[in-house]
């Protein structure tokens, strides 16, 4: 089993920045992809950014140029630096760890990000 613990959410003004962090613990398979999704009420959870253990990144179009994902494979952590935040970025952000070869996905409990003046 894998546990994911997120931190760093909160309230920020439009144009501001936030850094989300996630630490994974437990039985972690190699060859995994860690990342962040977000969800607002009434909508599907959507990918924000992900990074494989080999360093391949994927960003959703709406966040390209405004966020950077990074990870430390030795520490099993993944961070998401978000800049120039907009009110439409308001959502619950979830950390995820996936092992594509095994079809396994783990999720954190989520952290609220609110962008408002």
C-alpha atoms as a PDB file:
ATOM      1  CA  UNK A   1       0.000   0.000   0.000  1.00  0.00           C
ATOM      2  CA  UNK A   2       1.086   3.547  -0.731  1.00  0.00           C
ATOM      3  CA  UNK A   3       0.180   6.651   1.250  1.00  0.00           C
ATOM      4  CA  UNK A   4       0.300  10.136  -0.234  1.00  0.00           C
ATOM      5  CA  UNK A   5       0.340  13.222   1.971  1.00  0.00           C
ATOM      6  CA  UNK A   6      -0.194  16.631   0.379  1.00  0.00           C
ATOM      7  CA  UNK A   7       0.600  20.060   1.732  1.00  0.00           C
ATOM      8  CA  UNK A   8       0.742  23.648   0.540  1.00  0.00           C
ATOM      9  CA  UNK A   9      -2.792  24.525  -0.463  1.00  0.00           C
ATOM     10  CA  UNK A  10      -4.560  27.648   0.677  1.00  0.00           C
ATOM     11  CA  UNK A  11      -5.930  31.023  -0.314  1.00  0.00           C
ATOM     12  CA  UNK A  12      -4.013  33.197  -2.756  1.00  0.00           C
ATOM     13  CA  UNK A  13      -4.848  36.357  -4.651  1.00  0.00           C
ATOM     14  CA  UNK A  14      -5.086  36.360  -8.443  1.00  0.00           C
ATOM     15  CA  UNK A  15      -1.614  36.592  -9.928  1.00  0.00           C
ATOM     16  CA  UNK A  16      -0.082  34.974  -6.877  1.00  0.00           C
ATOM     17  CA  UNK A  17       1.875  31.765  -6.464  1.00  0.00           C
ATOM     18  CA  UNK A  18       1.547  28.553  -4.506  1.00  0.00           C
ATOM     19  CA  UNK A  19       3.715  25.495  -4.121  1.00  0.00           C
ATOM     20  CA  UNK A  20       2.088  22.139  -3.501  1.00  0.00           C
ATOM     21  CA  UNK A  21       4.094  19.265  -2.089  1.00  0.00           C
ATOM     22  CA  UNK A  22       3.371  15.571  -1.839  1.00  0.00           C
ATOM     23  CA  UNK A  23       5.266  12.818  -0.080  1.00  0.00           C
ATOM     24  CA  UNK A  24       4.706   9.158  -0.855  1.00  0.00           C
ATOM     25  CA  UNK A  25       5.438   6.339   1.552  1.00  0.00           C
ATOM     26  CA  UNK A  26       4.908   2.599   1.635  1.00  0.00           C
ATOM     27  CA  UNK A  27       5.542  -0.045  -0.999  1.00  0.00           C
ATOM     28  CA  UNK A  28       6.458   2.104  -3.973  1.00  0.00           C
ATOM     29  CA  UNK A  29       7.134   0.401  -7.271  1.00  0.00           C
ATOM     30  CA  UNK A  30       9.747   1.811  -9.581  1.00  0.00           C
ATOM     31  CA  UNK A  31       8.694   3.005 -12.995  1.00  0.00           C
ATOM     32  CA  UNK A  32       5.940   5.149 -11.542  1.00  0.00           C
ATOM     33  CA  UNK A  33       4.475   8.479 -12.528  1.00  0.00           C
ATOM     34  CA  UNK A  34       3.662  11.087  -9.907  1.00  0.00           C
ATOM     35  CA  UNK A  35       1.516  14.082 -10.549  1.00  0.00           C
ATOM     36  CA  UNK A  36      -1.306  16.389  -9.683  1.00  0.00           C
ATOM     37  CA  UNK A  37      -4.937  16.446 -10.682  1.00  0.00           C
ATOM     38  CA  UNK A  38      -7.611  18.937  -9.736  1.00  0.00           C
ATOM     39  CA  UNK A  39     -11.346  18.871  -9.421  1.00  0.00           C
ATOM     40  CA  UNK A  40     -14.129  21.383  -8.986  1.00  0.00           C
ATOM     41  CA  UNK A  41     -17.652  20.434  -7.950  1.00  0.00           C
ATOM     42  CA  UNK A  42     -19.687  19.060 -10.813  1.00  0.00           C
ATOM     43  CA  UNK A  43     -16.717  18.491 -13.083  1.00  0.00           C
ATOM     44  CA  UNK A  44     -14.412  15.598 -13.799  1.00  0.00           C
ATOM     45  CA  UNK A  45     -11.033  15.405 -12.185  1.00  0.00           C
ATOM     46  CA  UNK A  46      -8.436  16.704 -14.642  1.00  0.00           C
ATOM     47  CA  UNK A  47      -4.697  16.326 -14.962  1.00  0.00           C
ATOM     48  CA  UNK A  48      -2.650  19.391 -14.070  1.00  0.00           C
ATOM     49  CA  UNK A  49       0.849  17.993 -14.464  1.00  0.00           C
ATOM     50  CA  UNK A  50       2.720  14.731 -14.140  1.00  0.00           C
ATOM     51  CA  UNK A  51       6.282  13.484 -14.207  1.00  0.00           C
ATOM     52  CA  UNK A  52       7.536   9.959 -14.694  1.00  0.00           C
ATOM     53  CA  UNK A  53      10.402   8.539 -12.689  1.00  0.00           C
ATOM     54  CA  UNK A  54      12.432   8.973 -15.868  1.00  0.00           C
ATOM     55  CA  UNK A  55      11.696  12.691 -15.973  1.00  0.00           C
ATOM     56  CA  UNK A  56       9.064  12.837 -18.712  1.00  0.00           C
ATOM     57  CA  UNK A  57       6.581  15.616 -17.982  1.00  0.00           C
ATOM     58  CA  UNK A  58       3.053  16.282 -19.090  1.00  0.00           C
ATOM     59  CA  UNK A  59       1.122  19.506 -18.489  1.00  0.00           C
ATOM     60  CA  UNK A  60      -2.453  20.435 -19.168  1.00  0.00           C
ATOM     61  CA  UNK A  61      -2.701  23.205 -21.736  1.00  0.00           C
ATOM     62  CA  UNK A  62      -4.307  25.678 -19.343  1.00  0.00           C
ATOM     63  CA  UNK A  63      -1.334  25.477 -16.972  1.00  0.00           C
ATOM     64  CA  UNK A  64       1.541  25.406 -19.458  1.00  0.00           C
ATOM     65  CA  UNK A  65       3.917  28.252 -18.727  1.00  0.00           C
ATOM     66  CA  UNK A  66       2.328  28.848 -15.326  1.00  0.00           C
ATOM     67  CA  UNK A  67       3.398  25.782 -13.419  1.00  0.00           C
ATOM     68  CA  UNK A  68       6.400  23.537 -12.996  1.00  0.00           C
ATOM     69  CA  UNK A  69       6.404  20.017 -11.665  1.00  0.00           C
ATOM     70  CA  UNK A  70       9.441  18.516 -10.000  1.00  0.00           C
ATOM     71  CA  UNK A  71      10.169  15.317  -8.125  1.00  0.00           C
ATOM     72  CA  UNK A  72      12.808  13.710  -5.990  1.00  0.00           C
ATOM     73  CA  UNK A  73      12.928  10.009  -6.741  1.00  0.00           C
ATOM     74  CA  UNK A  74      15.107   9.263  -3.735  1.00  0.00           C
ATOM     75  CA  UNK A  75      12.637  10.900  -1.368  1.00  0.00           C
ATOM     76  CA  UNK A  76       9.496   9.920  -3.298  1.00  0.00           C
ATOM     77  CA  UNK A  77       8.238  13.471  -3.328  1.00  0.00           C
ATOM     78  CA  UNK A  78       6.627  15.592  -6.012  1.00  0.00           C
ATOM     79  CA  UNK A  79       6.120  19.343  -5.982  1.00  0.00           C
ATOM     80  CA  UNK A  80       3.990  21.631  -8.109  1.00  0.00           C
ATOM     81  CA  UNK A  81       4.973  25.279  -8.339  1.00  0.00           C
ATOM     82  CA  UNK A  82       2.066  27.346  -9.641  1.00  0.00           C
ATOM     83  CA  UNK A  83       2.436  30.969 -10.689  1.00  0.00           C
ATOM     84  CA  UNK A  84       0.154  33.658 -12.129  1.00  0.00           C
ATOM     85  CA  UNK A  85      -2.807  31.919 -10.559  1.00  0.00           C
ATOM     86  CA  UNK A  86      -6.304  32.717 -11.791  1.00  0.00           C
ATOM     87  CA  UNK A  87      -9.692  32.336 -10.105  1.00  0.00           C
ATOM     88  CA  UNK A  88     -10.447  29.460 -12.474  1.00  0.00           C
ATOM     89  CA  UNK A  89      -7.543  27.553 -10.924  1.00  0.00           C
ATOM     90  CA  UNK A  90      -9.599  27.230  -7.760  1.00  0.00           C
ATOM     91  CA  UNK A  91     -10.093  23.526  -7.075  1.00  0.00           C
ATOM     92  CA  UNK A  92      -9.162  20.644  -4.834  1.00  0.00           C
ATOM     93  CA  UNK A  93      -5.759  19.426  -5.953  1.00  0.00           C
ATOM     94  CA  UNK A  94      -4.927  15.744  -5.619  1.00  0.00           C
ATOM     95  CA  UNK A  95      -1.541  14.116  -5.633  1.00  0.00           C
ATOM     96  CA  UNK A  96      -1.333  10.837  -7.481  1.00  0.00           C
ATOM     97  CA  UNK A  97       1.151   8.038  -7.961  1.00  0.00           C
ATOM     98  CA  UNK A  98       0.536   5.635 -10.814  1.00  0.00           C
ATOM     99  CA  UNK A  99       2.282   2.471 -11.906  1.00  0.00           C
ATOM    100  CA  UNK A 100       1.203   2.125 -15.533  1.00  0.00           C
ATOM    101  CA  UNK A 101       2.720  -1.313 -16.020  1.00  0.00           C
ATOM    102  CA  UNK A 102       0.571  -2.691 -13.206  1.00  0.00           C
ATOM    103  CA  UNK A 103      -2.517  -0.552 -13.717  1.00  0.00           C
ATOM    104  CA  UNK A 104      -2.291   0.779 -10.164  1.00  0.00           C
ATOM    105  CA  UNK A 105      -3.201   4.292  -9.041  1.00  0.00           C
ATOM    106  CA  UNK A 106      -2.941   5.860  -5.612  1.00  0.00           C
ATOM    107  CA  UNK A 107      -4.456   9.179  -4.579  1.00  0.00           C
ATOM    108  CA  UNK A 108      -3.949  11.646  -1.796  1.00  0.00           C
ATOM    109  CA  UNK A 109      -6.843  13.142   0.123  1.00  0.00           C
ATOM    110  CA  UNK A 110      -6.616  16.469  -1.680  1.00  0.00           C
ATOM    111  CA  UNK A 111      -5.727  20.004  -0.741  1.00  0.00           C
ATOM    112  CA  UNK A 112      -7.890  23.041  -1.429  1.00  0.00           C
ATOM    113  CA  UNK A 113      -6.503  25.848  -3.563  1.00  0.00           C
ATOM    114  CA  UNK A 114      -8.593  29.010  -3.669  1.00  0.00           C
ATOM    115  CA  UNK A 115      -7.658  31.931  -5.907  1.00  0.00           C
ATOM    116  CA  UNK A 116      -9.656  34.975  -4.889  1.00  0.00           C
ATOM    117  CA  UNK A 117      -9.239  38.613  -4.021  1.00  0.00           C
END
